[in-house]
Structures are given as C-alpha cells and as structure tokens.
Amino acid sequence: FGLSWLLPRIIGHGRASHLFYSAGTLDAEQAVACGLAAEVVED
C-alpha cells in the first residue's frame, strides 16, 4: 500500500532499507528521532 515508496522519502533510503530488510520495528522515540513522527505525547 505504498509503504516502500513513502517510507524512504520520510526517513531516508538507508534507514528504510535497514528497517525493511531486518523486518524491524520502530518505537515511539525512534520514530521521532528519524523524522517519522512529530512528537511523543500521552494522548
């Protein structure tokens, strides 16, 4: 559903490739650090 097109443009090709090839996970703080999320908030 477009994830292989969208994610490299948001967090960069290298980060996205590592995440995809490792079948990995980003937690909330990592998502902010790599530019995927704007902010970690309780609500």
PDB file of all heavy atoms in Angstrom:
ATOM      1  N   PHE A   1       0.812  -1.218   0.000  1.00  0.00           N
ATOM      2  CA  PHE A   1       0.000   0.000   0.000  1.00  0.00           C
ATOM      3  C   PHE A   1       0.846   1.268   0.000  1.00  0.00           C
ATOM      4  O   PHE A   1       0.542   2.244   0.675  1.00  0.00           O
ATOM      5  CB  PHE A   1      -0.966   0.005   1.188  1.00  0.00           C
ATOM      6  CG  PHE A   1      -1.884  -1.179   1.244  1.00  0.00           C
ATOM      7  CD1 PHE A   1      -2.442  -1.590   2.445  1.00  0.00           C
ATOM      8  CD2 PHE A   1      -2.212  -1.886   0.103  1.00  0.00           C
ATOM      9  CE1 PHE A   1      -3.296  -2.683   2.511  1.00  0.00           C
ATOM     10  CE2 PHE A   1      -3.060  -2.983   0.150  1.00  0.00           C
ATOM     11  CZ  PHE A   1      -3.609  -3.391   1.365  1.00  0.00           C
ATOM     12  N   GLY A   2       1.940   1.232  -0.744  1.00  0.00           N
ATOM     13  CA  GLY A   2       2.762   2.418  -0.912  1.00  0.00           C
ATOM     14  C   GLY A   2       3.865   2.593   0.102  1.00  0.00           C
ATOM     15  O   GLY A   2       4.633   3.552   0.005  1.00  0.00           O
ATOM     16  N   LEU A   3       4.000   1.671   1.060  1.00  0.00           N
ATOM     17  CA  LEU A   3       4.989   1.873   2.125  1.00  0.00           C
ATOM     18  C   LEU A   3       6.417   1.911   1.584  1.00  0.00           C
ATOM     19  O   LEU A   3       7.243   2.692   2.068  1.00  0.00           O
ATOM     20  CB  LEU A   3       4.857   0.789   3.193  1.00  0.00           C
ATOM     21  CG  LEU A   3       5.737   0.959   4.432  1.00  0.00           C
ATOM     22  CD1 LEU A   3       5.435   2.274   5.139  1.00  0.00           C
ATOM     23  CD2 LEU A   3       5.550  -0.209   5.393  1.00  0.00           C
ATOM     24  N   SER A   4       6.720   1.087   0.569  1.00  0.00           N
ATOM     25  CA  SER A   4       8.081   1.087   0.037  1.00  0.00           C
ATOM     26  C   SER A   4       8.395   2.353  -0.747  1.00  0.00           C
ATOM     27  O   SER A   4       9.564   2.642  -1.020  1.00  0.00           O
ATOM     28  CB  SER A   4       8.302  -0.148  -0.859  1.00  0.00           C
ATOM     29  OG  SER A   4       7.471  -0.097  -2.010  1.00  0.00           O
ATOM     30  N   TRP A   5       7.382   3.122  -1.112  1.00  0.00           N
ATOM     31  CA  TRP A   5       7.569   4.424  -1.771  1.00  0.00           C
ATOM     32  C   TRP A   5       7.595   5.545  -0.742  1.00  0.00           C
ATOM     33  O   TRP A   5       8.423   6.452  -0.809  1.00  0.00           O
ATOM     34  CB  TRP A   5       6.439   4.657  -2.767  1.00  0.00           C
ATOM     35  CG  TRP A   5       6.596   5.838  -3.689  1.00  0.00           C
ATOM     36  CD1 TRP A   5       7.137   5.835  -4.946  1.00  0.00           C
ATOM     37  CD2 TRP A   5       6.170   7.198  -3.443  1.00  0.00           C
ATOM     38  NE1 TRP A   5       7.086   7.097  -5.501  1.00  0.00           N
ATOM     39  CE2 TRP A   5       6.506   7.953  -4.600  1.00  0.00           C
ATOM     40  CE3 TRP A   5       5.561   7.841  -2.372  1.00  0.00           C
ATOM     41  CZ2 TRP A   5       6.238   9.322  -4.702  1.00  0.00           C
ATOM     42  CZ3 TRP A   5       5.300   9.196  -2.473  1.00  0.00           C
ATOM     43  CH2 TRP A   5       5.639   9.920  -3.624  1.00  0.00           C
ATOM     44  N   LEU A   6       6.709   5.450   0.248  1.00  0.00           N
ATOM     45  CA  LEU A   6       6.546   6.534   1.218  1.00  0.00           C
ATOM     46  C   LEU A   6       7.681   6.599   2.233  1.00  0.00           C
ATOM     47  O   LEU A   6       8.245   7.666   2.487  1.00  0.00           O
ATOM     48  CB  LEU A   6       5.214   6.366   1.961  1.00  0.00           C
ATOM     49  CG  LEU A   6       3.942   6.567   1.148  1.00  0.00           C
ATOM     50  CD1 LEU A   6       2.747   5.914   1.853  1.00  0.00           C
ATOM     51  CD2 LEU A   6       3.677   8.054   0.930  1.00  0.00           C
ATOM     52  N   LEU A   7       8.000   5.456   2.852  1.00  0.00           N
ATOM     53  CA  LEU A   7       8.913   5.486   3.991  1.00  0.00           C
ATOM     54  C   LEU A   7      10.313   5.983   3.627  1.00  0.00           C
ATOM     55  O   LEU A   7      10.878   6.796   4.380  1.00  0.00           O
ATOM     56  CB  LEU A   7       8.985   4.120   4.669  1.00  0.00           C
ATOM     57  CG  LEU A   7       9.663   4.131   6.039  1.00  0.00           C
ATOM     58  CD1 LEU A   7       8.873   4.982   7.031  1.00  0.00           C
ATOM     59  CD2 LEU A   7       9.818   2.705   6.577  1.00  0.00           C
ATOM     60  N   PRO A   8      10.918   5.557   2.504  1.00  0.00           N
ATOM     61  CA  PRO A   8      12.237   6.102   2.171  1.00  0.00           C
ATOM     62  C   PRO A   8      12.229   7.617   1.998  1.00  0.00           C
ATOM     63  O   PRO A   8      13.236   8.279   2.275  1.00  0.00           O
ATOM     64  CB  PRO A   8      12.588   5.399   0.849  1.00  0.00           C
ATOM     65  CG  PRO A   8      11.810   4.139   0.878  1.00  0.00           C
ATOM     66  CD  PRO A   8      10.520   4.504   1.557  1.00  0.00           C
ATOM     67  N   ARG A   9      11.115   8.170   1.562  1.00  0.00           N
ATOM     68  CA  ARG A   9      11.021   9.614   1.378  1.00  0.00           C
ATOM     69  C   ARG A   9      10.852  10.356   2.698  1.00  0.00           C
ATOM     70  O   ARG A   9      11.115  11.550   2.779  1.00  0.00           O
ATOM     71  CB  ARG A   9       9.858   9.944   0.425  1.00  0.00           C
ATOM     72  CG  ARG A   9      10.183   9.588  -1.020  1.00  0.00           C
ATOM     73  CD  ARG A   9       8.937   9.540  -1.893  1.00  0.00           C
ATOM     74  NE  ARG A   9       9.300   9.462  -3.308  1.00  0.00           N
ATOM     75  CZ  ARG A   9       9.684   8.350  -3.914  1.00  0.00           C
ATOM     76  NH1 ARG A   9       9.764   7.212  -3.219  1.00  0.00           N
ATOM     77  NH2 ARG A   9       9.994   8.359  -5.200  1.00  0.00           N
ATOM     78  N   ILE A  10      10.404   9.656   3.725  1.00  0.00           N
ATOM     79  CA  ILE A  10      10.204  10.281   5.032  1.00  0.00           C
ATOM     80  C   ILE A  10      11.458  10.159   5.897  1.00  0.00           C
ATOM     81  O   ILE A  10      11.923  11.137   6.486  1.00  0.00           O
ATOM     82  CB  ILE A  10       9.002   9.649   5.765  1.00  0.00           C
ATOM     83  CG1 ILE A  10       7.711   9.865   4.972  1.00  0.00           C
ATOM     84  CG2 ILE A  10       8.857  10.252   7.166  1.00  0.00           C
ATOM     85  CD1 ILE A  10       6.531   9.076   5.519  1.00  0.00           C
ATOM     86  N   ILE A  11      12.035   8.950   5.975  1.00  0.00           N
ATOM     87  CA  ILE A  11      13.149   8.727   6.905  1.00  0.00           C
ATOM     88  C   ILE A  11      14.475   8.492   6.193  1.00  0.00           C
ATOM     89  O   ILE A  11      15.502   8.344   6.861  1.00  0.00           O
ATOM     90  CB  ILE A  11      12.846   7.562   7.859  1.00  0.00           C
ATOM     91  CG1 ILE A  11      12.851   6.207   7.121  1.00  0.00           C
ATOM     92  CG2 ILE A  11      11.515   7.770   8.574  1.00  0.00           C
ATOM     93  CD1 ILE A  11      12.732   5.007   8.055  1.00  0.00           C
ATOM     94  N   GLY A  12      14.462   8.465   4.852  1.00  0.00           N
ATOM     95  CA  GLY A  12      15.701   8.231   4.113  1.00  0.00           C
ATOM     96  C   GLY A  12      15.806   6.791   3.638  1.00  0.00           C
ATOM     97  O   GLY A  12      15.318   5.863   4.288  1.00  0.00           O
ATOM     98  N   HIS A  13      16.474   6.620   2.505  1.00  0.00           N
ATOM     99  CA  HIS A  13      16.577   5.296   1.890  1.00  0.00           C
ATOM    100  C   HIS A  13      17.319   4.302   2.782  1.00  0.00           C
ATOM    101  O   HIS A  13      16.898   3.139   2.932  1.00  0.00           O
ATOM    102  CB  HIS A  13      17.289   5.424   0.532  1.00  0.00           C
ATOM    103  CG  HIS A  13      17.380   4.142  -0.227  1.00  0.00           C
ATOM    104  ND1 HIS A  13      18.396   3.239  -0.032  1.00  0.00           N
ATOM    105  CD2 HIS A  13      16.579   3.619  -1.182  1.00  0.00           C
ATOM    106  CE1 HIS A  13      18.210   2.200  -0.829  1.00  0.00           C
ATOM    107  NE2 HIS A  13      17.127   2.414  -1.544  1.00  0.00           N
ATOM    108  N   GLY A  14      18.409   4.739   3.376  1.00  0.00           N
ATOM    109  CA  GLY A  14      19.204   3.827   4.190  1.00  0.00           C
ATOM    110  C   GLY A  14      18.458   3.317   5.406  1.00  0.00           C
ATOM    111  O   GLY A  14      18.470   2.110   5.692  1.00  0.00           O
ATOM    112  N   ARG A  15      17.824   4.234   6.143  1.00  0.00           N
ATOM    113  CA  ARG A  15      17.077   3.814   7.334  1.00  0.00           C
ATOM    114  C   ARG A  15      15.928   2.893   6.947  1.00  0.00           C
ATOM    115  O   ARG A  15      15.665   1.885   7.615  1.00  0.00           O
ATOM    116  CB  ARG A  15      16.536   5.041   8.081  1.00  0.00           C
ATOM    117  CG  ARG A  15      17.568   5.828   8.874  1.00  0.00           C
ATOM    118  CD  ARG A  15      16.855   6.777   9.829  1.00  0.00           C
ATOM    119  NE  ARG A  15      17.777   7.600  10.569  1.00  0.00           N
ATOM    120  CZ  ARG A  15      18.049   8.870  10.270  1.00  0.00           C
ATOM    121  NH1 ARG A  15      17.474   9.434   9.218  1.00  0.00           N
ATOM    122  NH2 ARG A  15      18.887   9.562  11.004  1.00  0.00           N
ATOM    123  N   ALA A  16      15.198   3.273   5.894  1.00  0.00           N
ATOM    124  CA  ALA A  16      14.060   2.464   5.471  1.00  0.00           C
ATOM    125  C   ALA A  16      14.520   1.080   5.024  1.00  0.00           C
ATOM    126  O   ALA A  16      13.903   0.061   5.370  1.00  0.00           O
ATOM    127  CB  ALA A  16      13.305   3.161   4.350  1.00  0.00           C
ATOM    128  N   SER A  17      15.615   1.012   4.278  1.00  0.00           N
ATOM    129  CA  SER A  17      16.128  -0.275   3.816  1.00  0.00           C
ATOM    130  C   SER A  17      16.507  -1.172   4.994  1.00  0.00           C
ATOM    131  O   SER A  17      16.187  -2.370   5.018  1.00  0.00           O
ATOM    132  CB  SER A  17      17.343  -0.066   2.910  1.00  0.00           C
ATOM    133  OG  SER A  17      16.992   0.607   1.724  1.00  0.00           O
ATOM    134  N   HIS A  18      17.187  -0.599   5.975  1.00  0.00           N
ATOM    135  CA  HIS A  18      17.577  -1.397   7.148  1.00  0.00           C
ATOM    136  C   HIS A  18      16.350  -1.922   7.868  1.00  0.00           C
ATOM    137  O   HIS A  18      16.297  -3.107   8.262  1.00  0.00           O
ATOM    138  CB  HIS A  18      18.432  -0.561   8.095  1.00  0.00           C
ATOM    139  CG  HIS A  18      18.855  -1.315   9.319  1.00  0.00           C
ATOM    140  ND1 HIS A  18      18.196  -1.218  10.524  1.00  0.00           N
ATOM    141  CD2 HIS A  18      19.869  -2.211   9.503  1.00  0.00           C
ATOM    142  CE1 HIS A  18      18.790  -1.998  11.405  1.00  0.00           C
ATOM    143  NE2 HIS A  18      19.797  -2.613  10.813  1.00  0.00           N
ATOM    144  N   LEU A  19      15.345  -1.064   8.046  1.00  0.00           N
ATOM    145  CA  LEU A  19      14.125  -1.482   8.728  1.00  0.00           C
ATOM    146  C   LEU A  19      13.426  -2.594   7.949  1.00  0.00           C
ATOM    147  O   LEU A  19      13.022  -3.610   8.522  1.00  0.00           O
ATOM    148  CB  LEU A  19      13.188  -0.285   8.893  1.00  0.00           C
ATOM    149  CG  LEU A  19      11.890  -0.567   9.642  1.00  0.00           C
ATOM    150  CD1 LEU A  19      12.171  -0.807  11.121  1.00  0.00           C
ATOM    151  CD2 LEU A  19      10.917   0.594   9.485  1.00  0.00           C
ATOM    152  N   PHE A  20      13.305  -2.422   6.641  1.00  0.00           N
ATOM    153  CA  PHE A  20      12.624  -3.419   5.825  1.00  0.00           C
ATOM    154  C   PHE A  20      13.375  -4.747   5.806  1.00  0.00           C
ATOM    155  O   PHE A  20      12.799  -5.815   6.001  1.00  0.00           O
ATOM    156  CB  PHE A  20      12.467  -2.908   4.390  1.00  0.00           C
ATOM    157  CG  PHE A  20      11.413  -1.834   4.224  1.00  0.00           C
ATOM    158  CD1 PHE A  20      11.614  -0.806   3.315  1.00  0.00           C
ATOM    159  CD2 PHE A  20      10.230  -1.872   4.936  1.00  0.00           C
ATOM    160  CE1 PHE A  20      10.650   0.172   3.131  1.00  0.00           C
ATOM    161  CE2 PHE A  20       9.259  -0.900   4.764  1.00  0.00           C
ATOM    162  CZ  PHE A  20       9.463   0.126   3.865  1.00  0.00           C
ATOM    163  N   TYR A  21      14.684  -4.704   5.560  1.00  0.00           N
ATOM    164  CA  TYR A  21      15.456  -5.939   5.409  1.00  0.00           C
ATOM    165  C   TYR A  21      15.629  -6.687   6.726  1.00  0.00           C
ATOM    166  O   TYR A  21      15.851  -7.905   6.731  1.00  0.00           O
ATOM    167  CB  TYR A  21      16.817  -5.652   4.773  1.00  0.00           C
ATOM    168  CG  TYR A  21      16.719  -5.250   3.323  1.00  0.00           C
ATOM    169  CD1 TYR A  21      17.468  -4.192   2.816  1.00  0.00           C
ATOM    170  CD2 TYR A  21      15.873  -5.925   2.448  1.00  0.00           C
ATOM    171  CE1 TYR A  21      17.373  -3.817   1.482  1.00  0.00           C
ATOM    172  CE2 TYR A  21      15.769  -5.554   1.121  1.00  0.00           C
ATOM    173  CZ  TYR A  21      16.524  -4.503   0.638  1.00  0.00           C
ATOM    174  OH  TYR A  21      16.430  -4.134  -0.681  1.00  0.00           O
ATOM    175  N   SER A  22      15.532  -5.981   7.831  1.00  0.00           N
ATOM    176  CA  SER A  22      15.615  -6.632   9.137  1.00  0.00           C
ATOM    177  C   SER A  22      14.240  -7.016   9.671  1.00  0.00           C
ATOM    178  O   SER A  22      14.139  -7.564  10.763  1.00  0.00           O
ATOM    179  CB  SER A  22      16.309  -5.709  10.147  1.00  0.00           C
ATOM    180  OG  SER A  22      15.550  -4.524  10.358  1.00  0.00           O
ATOM    181  N   ALA A  23      13.174  -6.701   8.881  1.00  0.00           N
ATOM    182  CA  ALA A  23      11.797  -6.937   9.334  1.00  0.00           C
ATOM    183  C   ALA A  23      11.612  -6.318  10.713  1.00  0.00           C
ATOM    184  O   ALA A  23      11.066  -6.937  11.627  1.00  0.00           O
ATOM    185  CB  ALA A  23      11.472  -8.426   9.342  1.00  0.00           C
ATOM    186  N   GLY A  24      12.098  -5.095  10.830  1.00  0.00           N
ATOM    187  CA  GLY A  24      12.229  -4.478  12.141  1.00  0.00           C
ATOM    188  C   GLY A  24      11.051  -3.664  12.609  1.00  0.00           C
ATOM    189  O   GLY A  24       9.984  -3.614  11.992  1.00  0.00           O
ATOM    190  N   THR A  25      11.276  -2.996  13.741  1.00  0.00           N
ATOM    191  CA  THR A  25      10.260  -2.190  14.417  1.00  0.00           C
ATOM    192  C   THR A  25      10.872  -0.873  14.861  1.00  0.00           C
ATOM    193  O   THR A  25      12.023  -0.836  15.310  1.00  0.00           O
ATOM    194  CB  THR A  25       9.703  -2.931  15.649  1.00  0.00           C
ATOM    195  OG1 THR A  25       9.068  -4.141  15.223  1.00  0.00           O
ATOM    196  CG2 THR A  25       8.687  -2.080  16.390  1.00  0.00           C
ATOM    197  N   LEU A  26      10.110   0.193  14.728  1.00  0.00           N
ATOM    198  CA  LEU A  26      10.481   1.489  15.299  1.00  0.00           C
ATOM    199  C   LEU A  26       9.587   1.759  16.499  1.00  0.00           C
ATOM    200  O   LEU A  26       8.356   1.679  16.394  1.00  0.00           O
ATOM    201  CB  LEU A  26      10.269   2.612  14.277  1.00  0.00           C
ATOM    202  CG  LEU A  26      11.178   2.664  13.046  1.00  0.00           C
ATOM    203  CD1 LEU A  26      10.714   3.778  12.114  1.00  0.00           C
ATOM    204  CD2 LEU A  26      12.618   2.888  13.458  1.00  0.00           C
ATOM    205  N   ASP A  27      10.188   2.089  17.659  1.00  0.00           N
ATOM    206  CA  ASP A  27       9.360   2.514  18.779  1.00  0.00           C
ATOM    207  C   ASP A  27       9.079   4.015  18.667  1.00  0.00           C
ATOM    208  O   ASP A  27       9.514   4.669  17.710  1.00  0.00           O
ATOM    209  CB  ASP A  27       9.994   2.138  20.112  1.00  0.00           C
ATOM    210  CG  ASP A  27      11.319   2.852  20.383  1.00  0.00           C
ATOM    211  OD1 ASP A  27      11.558   3.950  19.831  1.00  0.00           O
ATOM    212  OD2 ASP A  27      12.118   2.320  21.183  1.00  0.00           O
ATOM    213  N   ALA A  28       8.357   4.556  19.620  1.00  0.00           N
ATOM    214  CA  ALA A  28       7.913   5.944  19.527  1.00  0.00           C
ATOM    215  C   ALA A  28       9.081   6.920  19.459  1.00  0.00           C
ATOM    216  O   ALA A  28       9.106   7.832  18.623  1.00  0.00           O
ATOM    217  CB  ALA A  28       7.009   6.278  20.712  1.00  0.00           C
ATOM    218  N   GLU A  29      10.060   6.742  20.351  1.00  0.00           N
ATOM    219  CA  GLU A  29      11.200   7.657  20.366  1.00  0.00           C
ATOM    220  C   GLU A  29      12.026   7.546  19.085  1.00  0.00           C
ATOM    221  O   GLU A  29      12.507   8.555  18.549  1.00  0.00           O
ATOM    222  CB  GLU A  29      12.084   7.369  21.585  1.00  0.00           C
ATOM    223  CG  GLU A  29      11.410   7.657  22.927  1.00  0.00           C
ATOM    224  CD  GLU A  29      11.158   9.147  23.157  1.00  0.00           C
ATOM    225  OE1 GLU A  29      11.725   9.966  22.421  1.00  0.00           O
ATOM    226  OE2 GLU A  29      10.388   9.466  24.080  1.00  0.00           O
ATOM    227  N   GLN A  30      12.196   6.343  18.585  1.00  0.00           N
ATOM    228  CA  GLN A  30      12.909   6.163  17.324  1.00  0.00           C
ATOM    229  C   GLN A  30      12.163   6.804  16.163  1.00  0.00           C
ATOM    230  O   GLN A  30      12.777   7.372  15.256  1.00  0.00           O
ATOM    231  CB  GLN A  30      13.118   4.670  17.056  1.00  0.00           C
ATOM    232  CG  GLN A  30      14.119   4.009  17.982  1.00  0.00           C
ATOM    233  CD  GLN A  30      14.112   2.498  17.843  1.00  0.00           C
ATOM    234  OE1 GLN A  30      13.075   1.880  17.589  1.00  0.00           O
ATOM    235  NE2 GLN A  30      15.284   1.888  18.003  1.00  0.00           N
ATOM    236  N   ALA A  31      10.841   6.716  16.196  1.00  0.00           N
ATOM    237  CA  ALA A  31      10.033   7.321  15.134  1.00  0.00           C
ATOM    238  C   ALA A  31      10.223   8.831  15.095  1.00  0.00           C
ATOM    239  O   ALA A  31      10.319   9.431  14.013  1.00  0.00           O
ATOM    240  CB  ALA A  31       8.559   6.982  15.339  1.00  0.00           C
ATOM    241  N   VAL A  32      10.312   9.462  16.250  1.00  0.00           N
ATOM    242  CA  VAL A  32      10.565  10.901  16.306  1.00  0.00           C
ATOM    243  C   VAL A  32      11.982  11.203  15.846  1.00  0.00           C
ATOM    244  O   VAL A  32      12.229  12.125  15.059  1.00  0.00           O
ATOM    245  CB  VAL A  32      10.317  11.455  17.718  1.00  0.00           C
ATOM    246  CG1 VAL A  32      10.771  12.906  17.821  1.00  0.00           C
ATOM    247  CG2 VAL A  32       8.837  11.344  18.081  1.00  0.00           C
ATOM    248  N   ALA A  33      12.935  10.418  16.314  1.00  0.00           N
ATOM    249  CA  ALA A  33      14.343  10.670  16.002  1.00  0.00           C
ATOM    250  C   ALA A  33      14.622  10.590  14.503  1.00  0.00           C
ATOM    251  O   ALA A  33      15.460  11.333  13.983  1.00  0.00           O
ATOM    252  CB  ALA A  33      15.231   9.682  16.758  1.00  0.00           C
ATOM    253  N   CYS A  34      13.936   9.708  13.793  1.00  0.00           N
ATOM    254  CA  CYS A  34      14.197   9.560  12.363  1.00  0.00           C
ATOM    255  C   CYS A  34      13.271  10.404  11.503  1.00  0.00           C
ATOM    256  O   CYS A  34      13.369  10.368  10.274  1.00  0.00           O
ATOM    257  CB  CYS A  34      14.120   8.091  11.950  1.00  0.00           C
ATOM    258  SG  CYS A  34      12.465   7.392  11.915  1.00  0.00           S
ATOM    259  N   GLY A  35      12.389  11.171  12.138  1.00  0.00           N
ATOM    260  CA  GLY A  35      11.545  12.083  11.382  1.00  0.00           C
ATOM    261  C   GLY A  35      10.200  11.519  10.968  1.00  0.00           C
ATOM    262  O   GLY A  35       9.421  12.197  10.282  1.00  0.00           O
ATOM    263  N   LEU A  36       9.886  10.292  11.366  1.00  0.00           N
ATOM    264  CA  LEU A  36       8.590   9.721  11.021  1.00  0.00           C
ATOM    265  C   LEU A  36       7.461  10.370  11.810  1.00  0.00           C
ATOM    266  O   LEU A  36       6.379  10.606  11.267  1.00  0.00           O
ATOM    267  CB  LEU A  36       8.597   8.211  11.262  1.00  0.00           C
ATOM    268  CG  LEU A  36       7.286   7.469  11.009  1.00  0.00           C
ATOM    269  CD1 LEU A  36       6.870   7.573   9.550  1.00  0.00           C
ATOM    270  CD2 LEU A  36       7.400   6.006  11.433  1.00  0.00           C
ATOM    271  N   ALA A  37       7.688  10.654  13.083  1.00  0.00           N
ATOM    272  CA  ALA A  37       6.654  11.223  13.952  1.00  0.00           C
ATOM    273  C   ALA A  37       7.055  12.619  14.401  1.00  0.00           C
ATOM    274  O   ALA A  37       8.240  12.927  14.545  1.00  0.00           O
ATOM    275  CB  ALA A  37       6.431  10.335  15.170  1.00  0.00           C
ATOM    276  N   ALA A  38       6.047  13.441  14.627  1.00  0.00           N
ATOM    277  CA  ALA A  38       6.296  14.811  15.067  1.00  0.00           C
ATOM    278  C   ALA A  38       6.647  14.880  16.550  1.00  0.00           C
ATOM    279  O   ALA A  38       7.522  15.645  16.954  1.00  0.00           O
ATOM    280  CB  ALA A  38       5.069  15.676  14.787  1.00  0.00           C
ATOM    281  N   GLU A  39       5.969  14.044  17.352  1.00  0.00           N
ATOM    282  CA  GLU A  39       6.108  14.185  18.801  1.00  0.00           C
ATOM    283  C   GLU A  39       5.545  12.954  19.491  1.00  0.00           C
ATOM    284  O   GLU A  39       4.593  12.331  19.005  1.00  0.00           O
ATOM    285  CB  GLU A  39       5.338  15.438  19.251  1.00  0.00           C
ATOM    286  CG  GLU A  39       5.555  15.858  20.674  1.00  0.00           C
ATOM    287  CD  GLU A  39       4.804  17.149  21.010  1.00  0.00           C
ATOM    288  OE1 GLU A  39       4.230  17.768  20.092  1.00  0.00           O
ATOM    289  OE2 GLU A  39       4.797  17.516  22.204  1.00  0.00           O
ATOM    290  N   VAL A  40       6.126  12.600  20.642  1.00  0.00           N
ATOM    291  CA  VAL A  40       5.563  11.573  21.512  1.00  0.00           C
ATOM    292  C   VAL A  40       4.701  12.270  22.554  1.00  0.00           C
ATOM    293  O   VAL A  40       5.187  13.169  23.261  1.00  0.00           O
ATOM    294  CB  VAL A  40       6.661  10.753  22.215  1.00  0.00           C
ATOM    295  CG1 VAL A  40       6.031   9.692  23.122  1.00  0.00           C
ATOM    296  CG2 VAL A  40       7.580  10.096  21.200  1.00  0.00           C
ATOM    297  N   VAL A  41       3.442  11.876  22.651  1.00  0.00           N
ATOM    298  CA  VAL A  41       2.503  12.513  23.574  1.00  0.00           C
ATOM    299  C   VAL A  41       1.675  11.439  24.270  1.00  0.00           C
ATOM    300  O   VAL A  41       1.467  10.354  23.720  1.00  0.00           O
ATOM    301  CB  VAL A  41       1.577  13.504  22.841  1.00  0.00           C
ATOM    302  CG1 VAL A  41       2.332  14.721  22.347  1.00  0.00           C
ATOM    303  CG2 VAL A  41       0.857  12.828  21.678  1.00  0.00           C
ATOM    304  N   GLU A  42       1.209  11.734  25.461  1.00  0.00           N
ATOM    305  CA  GLU A  42       0.408  10.761  26.192  1.00  0.00           C
ATOM    306  C   GLU A  42      -0.925  10.491  25.504  1.00  0.00           C
ATOM    307  O   GLU A  42      -1.442   9.378  25.547  1.00  0.00           O
ATOM    308  CB  GLU A  42       0.169  11.237  27.629  1.00  0.00           C
ATOM    309  CG  GLU A  42       1.392  11.183  28.512  1.00  0.00           C
ATOM    310  CD  GLU A  42       1.930   9.768  28.672  1.00  0.00           C
ATOM    311  OE1 GLU A  42       1.118   8.813  28.706  1.00  0.00           O
ATOM    312  OE2 GLU A  42       3.163   9.611  28.746  1.00  0.00           O
ATOM    313  N   ASP A  43      -1.495  11.528  24.877  1.00  0.00           N
ATOM    314  CA  ASP A  43      -2.791  11.384  24.209  1.00  0.00           C
ATOM    315  C   ASP A  43      -2.647  11.837  22.764  1.00  0.00           C
ATOM    316  O   ASP A  43      -2.850  13.005  22.436  1.00  0.00           O
ATOM    317  CB  ASP A  43      -3.844  12.236  24.929  1.00  0.00           C
ATOM    318  CG  ASP A  43      -5.255  11.990  24.416  1.00  0.00           C
ATOM    319  OD1 ASP A  43      -5.401  11.448  23.293  1.00  0.00           O
ATOM    320  OD2 ASP A  43      -6.217  12.350  25.128  1.00  0.00           O
TER     321      ASP A  43
END
